[in-house]
Amino acid sequence: MSHKAQPPVFAPIKSPPPAYNAKPTPPLAVTFRETGGGPSQEEQCTIEHIRSFLGSSDFDEDLCLKAIRHPRLRSQKTSNEAEYLQEVVGVYMDELNHAAEKEQQRSQTPRPTHGCANRPMQTIEEAAAEMSQHGGAVNVPAVACTATTASSTTPIPALPSAAEREQSDIEKAIAESLISQGPPGNRSYVSSLPSNPEDMLRKEGVSVGLHNTGNTCWFNVVAQLLFHLPRFRRIVYEYEPKKSDTIEDTQV
C-alpha cells in the first residue's frame, strides 16, 4: 500500500523581487492611539462629547485621547461629569498649544540654503558645462606672507648628529659611573684610596667602573665601562664569528 505525499496545507508565499532602484517605503507615523492602544467605550464617549463641544473642524482625536489618559486626570477622580469634561478640555488645549509651539520652533529653525539636500541633481553634461564656465580650475585665495608672520614663526631646532649623540652617551655613562659608584661622604677619590694598591679590592655586587676598579683587570674595567654605551652593546650583540674561526676550532 503506497502513500502519496500530500501537498502542504499552507503554501509558502513567494514575494516578488524588489524592483531595481526602487525607493524605500517611508516609515509610517506612529500616533498616540497606536502606542497607547485604542480608546475604550467610555473614552470614545468622552471624545464624542468634547468633539460636539469644540466642533469637528480642527478637532484632533489623538490629542484628545492623550489628554484623557493624562496622569493628572487619572489621579483626580471626580464624580461630577461637567467638571471632568472641563478638566479634559483644559488638558487638551494645553497639548494643542504645546504641539503648535513645537511646530513653530521647527519652522523657525534656520536651514542651509545652499546645502546638498536642497541642491538639484546635475547631469554629467551640466557639471561639465559648469566647470568649463569657471575655467576648470578651483580658485584658492592667495595669502600674502608679511614680515610679521615670517618673524613670528617658531624656528625648527636642528637634530643632533650621530657624533654628537655618541659623545653625549659617553659623557652620560661616565657621569653615572662616577655618581653611583663614588665613595660616600665629601672625601675625594684619591684620599679614599689605600696606601698599598694591593689592598684595594673591588666591591662585590656593584658593576665595575672608574671608582670600583679594585683588583680587576684594566681590560675588564674598560669593557664594562663601554658596555654602558648603546652602540657598543649593539656591536657586541650583533657580532657573528667568521666561518674560518669555527672550522679551525672544530679541527683542533
C-alpha atoms as a PDB file:
ATOM      1  CA  MET A   1       0.000   0.000   0.000  1.00  0.00           C
ATOM      2  CA  SER A   2       1.678   3.171  -1.192  1.00  0.00           C
ATOM      3  CA  HIS A   3       1.175   6.505   0.493  1.00  0.00           C
ATOM      4  CA  LYS A   4       1.025   9.561  -1.688  1.00  0.00           C
ATOM      5  CA  ALA A   5       2.727  12.686  -0.476  1.00  0.00           C
ATOM      6  CA  GLN A   6       0.082  15.209   0.494  1.00  0.00           C
ATOM      7  CA  PRO A   7       0.628  18.823  -0.500  1.00  0.00           C
ATOM      8  CA  PRO A   8       1.201  21.247   2.373  1.00  0.00           C
ATOM      9  CA  VAL A   9      -1.854  22.986   3.717  1.00  0.00           C
ATOM     10  CA  PHE A  10      -0.204  26.411   3.761  1.00  0.00           C
ATOM     11  CA  ALA A  11       1.833  27.028   0.654  1.00  0.00           C
ATOM     12  CA  PRO A  12       4.828  29.336   1.105  1.00  0.00           C
ATOM     13  CA  ILE A  13       4.140  32.832  -0.091  1.00  0.00           C
ATOM     14  CA  LYS A  14       6.700  33.938  -2.629  1.00  0.00           C
ATOM     15  CA  SER A  15       7.097  37.680  -2.564  1.00  0.00           C
ATOM     16  CA  PRO A  16       8.125  39.293  -5.855  1.00  0.00           C
ATOM     17  CA  PRO A  17      11.711  40.539  -6.043  1.00  0.00           C
ATOM     18  CA  PRO A  18      12.155  44.267  -5.406  1.00  0.00           C
ATOM     19  CA  ALA A  19      12.385  46.453  -8.437  1.00  0.00           C
ATOM     20  CA  TYR A  20      15.785  47.818  -9.409  1.00  0.00           C
ATOM     21  CA  ASN A  21      16.493  51.232  -7.861  1.00  0.00           C
ATOM     22  CA  ALA A  22      13.160  51.099  -6.050  1.00  0.00           C
ATOM     23  CA  LYS A  23      12.688  53.820  -3.455  1.00  0.00           C
ATOM     24  CA  PRO A  24      12.328  52.534   0.122  1.00  0.00           C
ATOM     25  CA  THR A  25       8.933  52.960   1.675  1.00  0.00           C
ATOM     26  CA  PRO A  26       8.910  55.760   4.265  1.00  0.00           C
ATOM     27  CA  PRO A  27       8.192  54.750   7.878  1.00  0.00           C
ATOM     28  CA  LEU A  28       4.610  55.218   8.988  1.00  0.00           C
ATOM     29  CA  ALA A  29       3.908  57.867  11.614  1.00  0.00           C
ATOM     30  CA  VAL A  30       3.075  56.277  14.959  1.00  0.00           C
ATOM     31  CA  THR A  31       0.188  58.049  16.692  1.00  0.00           C
ATOM     32  CA  PHE A  32      -0.711  58.070  20.363  1.00  0.00           C
ATOM     33  CA  ARG A  33      -3.622  55.768  19.585  1.00  0.00           C
ATOM     34  CA  GLU A  34      -1.225  53.107  18.281  1.00  0.00           C
ATOM     35  CA  THR A  35       1.312  53.421  21.086  1.00  0.00           C
ATOM     36  CA  GLY A  36      -1.210  53.562  23.920  1.00  0.00           C
ATOM     37  CA  GLY A  37      -3.888  51.332  22.436  1.00  0.00           C
ATOM     38  CA  GLY A  38      -7.290  52.208  21.027  1.00  0.00           C
ATOM     39  CA  PRO A  39      -9.883  54.070  23.085  1.00  0.00           C
ATOM     40  CA  SER A  40     -12.288  52.152  25.244  1.00  0.00           C
ATOM     41  CA  GLN A  41     -16.050  52.659  25.099  1.00  0.00           C
ATOM     42  CA  GLU A  42     -16.005  55.256  27.895  1.00  0.00           C
ATOM     43  CA  GLU A  43     -13.061  57.098  26.335  1.00  0.00           C
ATOM     44  CA  GLN A  44     -14.777  57.142  22.941  1.00  0.00           C
ATOM     45  CA  CYS A  45     -17.926  58.550  24.552  1.00  0.00           C
ATOM     46  CA  THR A  46     -15.851  61.292  26.216  1.00  0.00           C
ATOM     47  CA  ILE A  47     -14.165  62.083  22.884  1.00  0.00           C
ATOM     48  CA  GLU A  48     -17.567  62.460  21.192  1.00  0.00           C
ATOM     49  CA  HIS A  49     -18.760  64.816  23.966  1.00  0.00           C
ATOM     50  CA  ILE A  50     -15.690  67.021  23.570  1.00  0.00           C
ATOM     51  CA  ARG A  51     -15.974  66.911  19.769  1.00  0.00           C
ATOM     52  CA  SER A  52     -19.563  68.140  19.957  1.00  0.00           C
ATOM     53  CA  PHE A  53     -18.496  70.883  22.384  1.00  0.00           C
ATOM     54  CA  LEU A  54     -15.421  72.142  20.466  1.00  0.00           C
ATOM     55  CA  GLY A  55     -16.549  71.404  16.934  1.00  0.00           C
ATOM     56  CA  SER A  56     -15.181  68.916  14.449  1.00  0.00           C
ATOM     57  CA  SER A  57     -13.377  71.354  12.139  1.00  0.00           C
ATOM     58  CA  ASP A  58      -9.879  71.251  13.709  1.00  0.00           C
ATOM     59  CA  PHE A  59     -10.500  68.553  16.296  1.00  0.00           C
ATOM     60  CA  ASP A  60      -7.561  66.173  16.893  1.00  0.00           C
ATOM     61  CA  GLU A  61      -8.783  62.855  18.229  1.00  0.00           C
ATOM     62  CA  ASP A  62      -5.286  61.599  19.104  1.00  0.00           C
ATOM     63  CA  LEU A  63      -4.544  64.639  21.272  1.00  0.00           C
ATOM     64  CA  CYS A  64      -7.925  64.297  22.937  1.00  0.00           C
ATOM     65  CA  LEU A  65      -7.211  60.648  23.758  1.00  0.00           C
ATOM     66  CA  LYS A  66      -3.803  61.690  25.104  1.00  0.00           C
ATOM     67  CA  ALA A  67      -5.492  64.319  27.289  1.00  0.00           C
ATOM     68  CA  ILE A  68      -7.994  61.771  28.633  1.00  0.00           C
ATOM     69  CA  ARG A  69      -5.133  59.433  29.585  1.00  0.00           C
ATOM     70  CA  HIS A  70      -3.107  62.202  31.219  1.00  0.00           C
ATOM     71  CA  PRO A  71      -1.701  61.147  34.629  1.00  0.00           C
ATOM     72  CA  ARG A  72      -3.207  64.218  36.293  1.00  0.00           C
ATOM     73  CA  LEU A  73      -6.729  63.244  35.231  1.00  0.00           C
ATOM     74  CA  ARG A  74      -6.226  59.625  36.204  1.00  0.00           C
ATOM     75  CA  SER A  75      -5.154  60.608  39.708  1.00  0.00           C
ATOM     76  CA  GLN A  76      -8.087  63.039  40.126  1.00  0.00           C
ATOM     77  CA  LYS A  77     -11.339  61.108  40.150  1.00  0.00           C
ATOM     78  CA  THR A  78     -14.309  63.494  40.130  1.00  0.00           C
ATOM     79  CA  SER A  79     -17.913  62.425  40.439  1.00  0.00           C
ATOM     80  CA  ASN A  80     -19.191  65.472  38.548  1.00  0.00           C
ATOM     81  CA  GLU A  81     -19.181  64.823  34.800  1.00  0.00           C
ATOM     82  CA  ALA A  82     -19.132  68.520  33.880  1.00  0.00           C
ATOM     83  CA  GLU A  83     -16.004  69.193  35.947  1.00  0.00           C
ATOM     84  CA  TYR A  84     -14.312  66.148  34.435  1.00  0.00           C
ATOM     85  CA  LEU A  85     -15.079  67.325  30.891  1.00  0.00           C
ATOM     86  CA  GLN A  86     -13.737  70.795  31.724  1.00  0.00           C
ATOM     87  CA  GLU A  87     -10.508  69.249  33.015  1.00  0.00           C
ATOM     88  CA  VAL A  88     -10.163  67.169  29.846  1.00  0.00           C
ATOM     89  CA  VAL A  89     -10.776  70.232  27.656  1.00  0.00           C
ATOM     90  CA  GLY A  90      -8.128  72.173  29.606  1.00  0.00           C
ATOM     91  CA  VAL A  91      -5.522  69.434  29.188  1.00  0.00           C
ATOM     92  CA  TYR A  92      -6.483  69.066  25.513  1.00  0.00           C
ATOM     93  CA  MET A  93      -5.942  72.790  24.891  1.00  0.00           C
ATOM     94  CA  ASP A  94      -2.565  72.622  26.671  1.00  0.00           C
ATOM     95  CA  GLU A  95      -1.496  69.713  24.471  1.00  0.00           C
ATOM     96  CA  LEU A  96      -2.725  71.568  21.384  1.00  0.00           C
ATOM     97  CA  ASN A  97      -0.749  74.698  22.296  1.00  0.00           C
ATOM     98  CA  HIS A  98       2.340  72.612  23.050  1.00  0.00           C
ATOM     99  CA  ALA A  99       2.132  70.916  19.644  1.00  0.00           C
ATOM    100  CA  ALA A 100       1.680  74.309  17.940  1.00  0.00           C
ATOM    101  CA  GLU A 101       4.760  75.702  19.736  1.00  0.00           C
ATOM    102  CA  LYS A 102       6.865  72.733  18.668  1.00  0.00           C
ATOM    103  CA  GLU A 103       5.727  73.157  15.066  1.00  0.00           C
ATOM    104  CA  GLN A 104       6.543  76.881  15.206  1.00  0.00           C
ATOM    105  CA  GLN A 105      10.022  76.205  16.602  1.00  0.00           C
ATOM    106  CA  ARG A 106      10.617  73.641  13.873  1.00  0.00           C
ATOM    107  CA  SER A 107       9.561  76.114  11.192  1.00  0.00           C
ATOM    108  CA  GLN A 108      11.762  78.890  12.619  1.00  0.00           C
ATOM    109  CA  THR A 109      14.873  76.719  12.688  1.00  0.00           C
ATOM    110  CA  PRO A 110      17.295  78.084  10.054  1.00  0.00           C
ATOM    111  CA  ARG A 111      18.102  75.678   7.278  1.00  0.00           C
ATOM    112  CA  PRO A 112      21.037  75.882   4.862  1.00  0.00           C
ATOM    113  CA  THR A 113      20.033  77.423   1.555  1.00  0.00           C
ATOM    114  CA  HIS A 114      22.985  76.069  -0.399  1.00  0.00           C
ATOM    115  CA  GLY A 115      23.150  72.614   1.115  1.00  0.00           C
ATOM    116  CA  CYS A 116      23.464  69.386  -0.772  1.00  0.00           C
ATOM    117  CA  ALA A 117      19.904  68.370   0.130  1.00  0.00           C
ATOM    118  CA  ASN A 118      18.334  71.482  -1.447  1.00  0.00           C
ATOM    119  CA  ARG A 119      20.587  71.474  -4.490  1.00  0.00           C
ATOM    120  CA  PRO A 120      19.034  69.929  -7.616  1.00  0.00           C
ATOM    121  CA  MET A 121      20.688  66.934  -9.194  1.00  0.00           C
ATOM    122  CA  GLN A 122      23.003  67.666 -12.104  1.00  0.00           C
ATOM    123  CA  THR A 123      23.767  65.525 -15.072  1.00  0.00           C
ATOM    124  CA  ILE A 124      27.283  64.914 -16.333  1.00  0.00           C
ATOM    125  CA  GLU A 125      26.759  67.361 -19.201  1.00  0.00           C
ATOM    126  CA  GLU A 126      25.571  70.113 -16.838  1.00  0.00           C
ATOM    127  CA  ALA A 127      28.510  69.573 -14.480  1.00  0.00           C
ATOM    128  CA  ALA A 128      30.970  69.678 -17.395  1.00  0.00           C
ATOM    129  CA  ALA A 129      29.392  72.894 -18.679  1.00  0.00           C
ATOM    130  CA  GLU A 130      29.641  74.468 -15.222  1.00  0.00           C
ATOM    131  CA  MET A 131      33.311  73.501 -14.939  1.00  0.00           C
ATOM    132  CA  SER A 132      34.045  74.930 -18.384  1.00  0.00           C
ATOM    133  CA  GLN A 133      32.398  78.221 -17.398  1.00  0.00           C
ATOM    134  CA  HIS A 134      34.628  78.510 -14.346  1.00  0.00           C
ATOM    135  CA  GLY A 135      37.728  77.668 -16.360  1.00  0.00           C
ATOM    136  CA  GLY A 136      38.074  74.159 -14.933  1.00  0.00           C
ATOM    137  CA  ALA A 137      40.155  75.358 -12.002  1.00  0.00           C
ATOM    138  CA  VAL A 138      39.463  75.981  -8.340  1.00  0.00           C
ATOM    139  CA  ASN A 139      40.250  79.498  -7.218  1.00  0.00           C
ATOM    140  CA  VAL A 140      42.177  79.474  -3.947  1.00  0.00           C
ATOM    141  CA  PRO A 141      42.720  82.878  -2.339  1.00  0.00           C
ATOM    142  CA  ALA A 142      46.415  83.666  -2.012  1.00  0.00           C
ATOM    143  CA  VAL A 143      47.684  84.598   1.439  1.00  0.00           C
ATOM    144  CA  ALA A 144      50.463  87.176   1.440  1.00  0.00           C
ATOM    145  CA  CYS A 145      53.357  86.417   3.779  1.00  0.00           C
ATOM    146  CA  THR A 146      54.243  89.599   5.649  1.00  0.00           C
ATOM    147  CA  ALA A 147      57.292  90.326   7.736  1.00  0.00           C
ATOM    148  CA  THR A 148      55.357  89.870  10.968  1.00  0.00           C
ATOM    149  CA  THR A 149      54.174  86.374  10.061  1.00  0.00           C
ATOM    150  CA  ALA A 150      57.645  85.367   8.886  1.00  0.00           C
ATOM    151  CA  SER A 151      59.276  86.594  12.076  1.00  0.00           C
ATOM    152  CA  SER A 152      56.620  85.104  14.356  1.00  0.00           C
ATOM    153  CA  THR A 153      57.160  81.561  13.109  1.00  0.00           C
ATOM    154  CA  THR A 154      58.985  79.315  15.555  1.00  0.00           C
ATOM    155  CA  PRO A 155      62.354  78.086  14.210  1.00  0.00           C
ATOM    156  CA  ILE A 156      62.699  74.316  13.994  1.00  0.00           C
ATOM    157  CA  PRO A 157      65.609  73.077  16.152  1.00  0.00           C
ATOM    158  CA  ALA A 158      68.319  71.166  14.312  1.00  0.00           C
ATOM    159  CA  LEU A 159      68.578  67.458  15.096  1.00  0.00           C
ATOM    160  CA  PRO A 160      71.858  66.337  16.706  1.00  0.00           C
ATOM    161  CA  SER A 161      74.226  64.359  14.546  1.00  0.00           C
ATOM    162  CA  ALA A 162      75.417  60.819  15.209  1.00  0.00           C
ATOM    163  CA  ALA A 163      78.774  62.005  16.578  1.00  0.00           C
ATOM    164  CA  GLU A 164      77.099  64.404  18.993  1.00  0.00           C
ATOM    165  CA  ARG A 165      74.730  61.676  20.220  1.00  0.00           C
ATOM    166  CA  GLU A 166      77.653  59.282  20.734  1.00  0.00           C
ATOM    167  CA  GLN A 167      79.620  61.913  22.660  1.00  0.00           C
ATOM    168  CA  SER A 168      76.637  62.658  24.884  1.00  0.00           C
ATOM    169  CA  ASP A 169      76.184  58.929  25.568  1.00  0.00           C
ATOM    170  CA  ILE A 170      79.828  58.640  26.645  1.00  0.00           C
ATOM    171  CA  GLU A 171      79.568  61.631  28.953  1.00  0.00           C
ATOM    172  CA  LYS A 172      76.338  60.294  30.425  1.00  0.00           C
ATOM    173  CA  ALA A 173      77.863  56.846  31.079  1.00  0.00           C
ATOM    174  CA  ILE A 174      80.926  58.349  32.781  1.00  0.00           C
ATOM    175  CA  ALA A 175      78.763  60.650  34.908  1.00  0.00           C
ATOM    176  CA  GLU A 176      76.513  57.775  36.010  1.00  0.00           C
ATOM    177  CA  SER A 177      79.557  55.677  36.906  1.00  0.00           C
ATOM    178  CA  LEU A 178      81.078  58.495  38.939  1.00  0.00           C
ATOM    179  CA  ILE A 179      77.825  59.260  40.760  1.00  0.00           C
ATOM    180  CA  SER A 180      76.580  55.735  41.502  1.00  0.00           C
ATOM    181  CA  GLN A 181      79.927  54.129  42.376  1.00  0.00           C
ATOM    182  CA  GLY A 182      81.726  57.051  44.027  1.00  0.00           C
ATOM    183  CA  PRO A 183      82.885  56.985  47.666  1.00  0.00           C
ATOM    184  CA  PRO A 184      80.416  58.170  50.296  1.00  0.00           C
ATOM    185  CA  GLY A 185      80.862  61.494  52.040  1.00  0.00           C
ATOM    186  CA  ASN A 186      82.696  64.583  50.904  1.00  0.00           C
ATOM    187  CA  ARG A 187      86.139  62.958  50.653  1.00  0.00           C
ATOM    188  CA  SER A 188      87.899  62.937  47.312  1.00  0.00           C
ATOM    189  CA  TYR A 189      88.580  59.753  45.417  1.00  0.00           C
ATOM    190  CA  VAL A 190      92.337  59.980  45.808  1.00  0.00           C
ATOM    191  CA  SER A 191      92.134  60.410  49.590  1.00  0.00           C
ATOM    192  CA  SER A 192      89.883  57.360  49.875  1.00  0.00           C
ATOM    193  CA  LEU A 193      92.401  55.054  48.205  1.00  0.00           C
ATOM    194  CA  PRO A 194      94.513  52.829  50.497  1.00  0.00           C
ATOM    195  CA  SER A 195      98.267  53.423  50.740  1.00  0.00           C
ATOM    196  CA  ASN A 196      99.002  49.948  49.388  1.00  0.00           C
ATOM    197  CA  PRO A 197      97.431  49.430  45.927  1.00  0.00           C
ATOM    198  CA  GLU A 198      97.319  45.663  46.506  1.00  0.00           C
ATOM    199  CA  ASP A 199      94.848  46.180  49.371  1.00  0.00           C
ATOM    200  CA  MET A 200      92.331  47.856  47.066  1.00  0.00           C
ATOM    201  CA  LEU A 201      89.557  45.330  46.409  1.00  0.00           C
ATOM    202  CA  ARG A 202      86.570  45.537  44.132  1.00  0.00           C
ATOM    203  CA  LYS A 203      83.148  45.936  45.742  1.00  0.00           C
ATOM    204  CA  GLU A 204      81.017  42.834  45.395  1.00  0.00           C
ATOM    205  CA  GLY A 205      77.590  43.221  43.823  1.00  0.00           C
ATOM    206  CA  VAL A 206      78.473  46.538  42.169  1.00  0.00           C
ATOM    207  CA  SER A 207      79.358  46.852  38.499  1.00  0.00           C
ATOM    208  CA  VAL A 208      82.940  47.727  37.657  1.00  0.00           C
ATOM    209  CA  GLY A 209      83.559  51.404  36.871  1.00  0.00           C
ATOM    210  CA  LEU A 210      86.052  54.186  37.289  1.00  0.00           C
ATOM    211  CA  HIS A 211      85.640  54.193  41.079  1.00  0.00           C
ATOM    212  CA  ASN A 212      85.258  50.419  41.501  1.00  0.00           C
ATOM    213  CA  THR A 213      88.385  49.053  39.895  1.00  0.00           C
ATOM    214  CA  GLY A 214      89.991  47.207  42.790  1.00  0.00           C
ATOM    215  CA  ASN A 215      91.789  44.007  41.879  1.00  0.00           C
ATOM    216  CA  THR A 216      90.082  43.800  38.471  1.00  0.00           C
ATOM    217  CA  CYS A 217      91.911  43.654  35.173  1.00  0.00           C
ATOM    218  CA  TRP A 218      92.053  47.025  33.402  1.00  0.00           C
ATOM    219  CA  PHE A 219      90.591  45.456  30.254  1.00  0.00           C
ATOM    220  CA  ASN A 220      87.536  44.287  32.212  1.00  0.00           C
ATOM    221  CA  VAL A 221      87.084  47.807  33.580  1.00  0.00           C
ATOM    222  CA  VAL A 222      87.197  49.340  30.106  1.00  0.00           C
ATOM    223  CA  ALA A 223      84.866  46.691  28.657  1.00  0.00           C
ATOM    224  CA  GLN A 224      82.262  47.153  31.379  1.00  0.00           C
ATOM    225  CA  LEU A 225      82.521  50.926  31.081  1.00  0.00           C
ATOM    226  CA  LEU A 226      81.998  50.764  27.322  1.00  0.00           C
ATOM    227  CA  PHE A 227      79.090  48.366  27.808  1.00  0.00           C
ATOM    228  CA  HIS A 228      77.048  51.281  29.139  1.00  0.00           C
ATOM    229  CA  LEU A 229      77.020  52.758  25.608  1.00  0.00           C
ATOM    230  CA  PRO A 230      74.105  51.618  23.416  1.00  0.00           C
ATOM    231  CA  ARG A 231      76.258  51.491  20.305  1.00  0.00           C
ATOM    232  CA  PHE A 232      78.857  49.249  21.963  1.00  0.00           C
ATOM    233  CA  ARG A 233      76.139  46.880  23.211  1.00  0.00           C
ATOM    234  CA  ARG A 234      74.657  46.691  19.720  1.00  0.00           C
ATOM    235  CA  ILE A 235      78.067  45.805  18.253  1.00  0.00           C
ATOM    236  CA  VAL A 236      78.541  43.036  20.829  1.00  0.00           C
ATOM    237  CA  TYR A 237      75.062  41.578  20.342  1.00  0.00           C
ATOM    238  CA  GLU A 238      75.189  41.692  16.537  1.00  0.00           C
ATOM    239  CA  TYR A 239      78.694  40.233  16.182  1.00  0.00           C
ATOM    240  CA  GLU A 240      78.825  36.972  14.242  1.00  0.00           C
ATOM    241  CA  PRO A 241      82.023  34.851  14.227  1.00  0.00           C
ATOM    242  CA  LYS A 242      83.590  34.029  10.885  1.00  0.00           C
ATOM    243  CA  LYS A 243      83.274  30.571   9.393  1.00  0.00           C
ATOM    244  CA  SER A 244      87.055  30.162   9.289  1.00  0.00           C
ATOM    245  CA  ASP A 245      87.263  30.601  13.069  1.00  0.00           C
ATOM    246  CA  THR A 246      84.629  27.954  13.697  1.00  0.00           C
ATOM    247  CA  ILE A 247      86.281  25.498  11.276  1.00  0.00           C
ATOM    248  CA  GLU A 248      89.671  25.895  12.954  1.00  0.00           C
ATOM    249  CA  ASP A 249      88.117  25.336  16.377  1.00  0.00           C
ATOM    250  CA  THR A 250      86.461  22.106  15.244  1.00  0.00           C
ATOM    251  CA  GLN A 251      89.670  20.811  13.648  1.00  0.00           C
ATOM    252  CA  VAL A 252      91.675  21.444  16.791  1.00  0.00           C
END
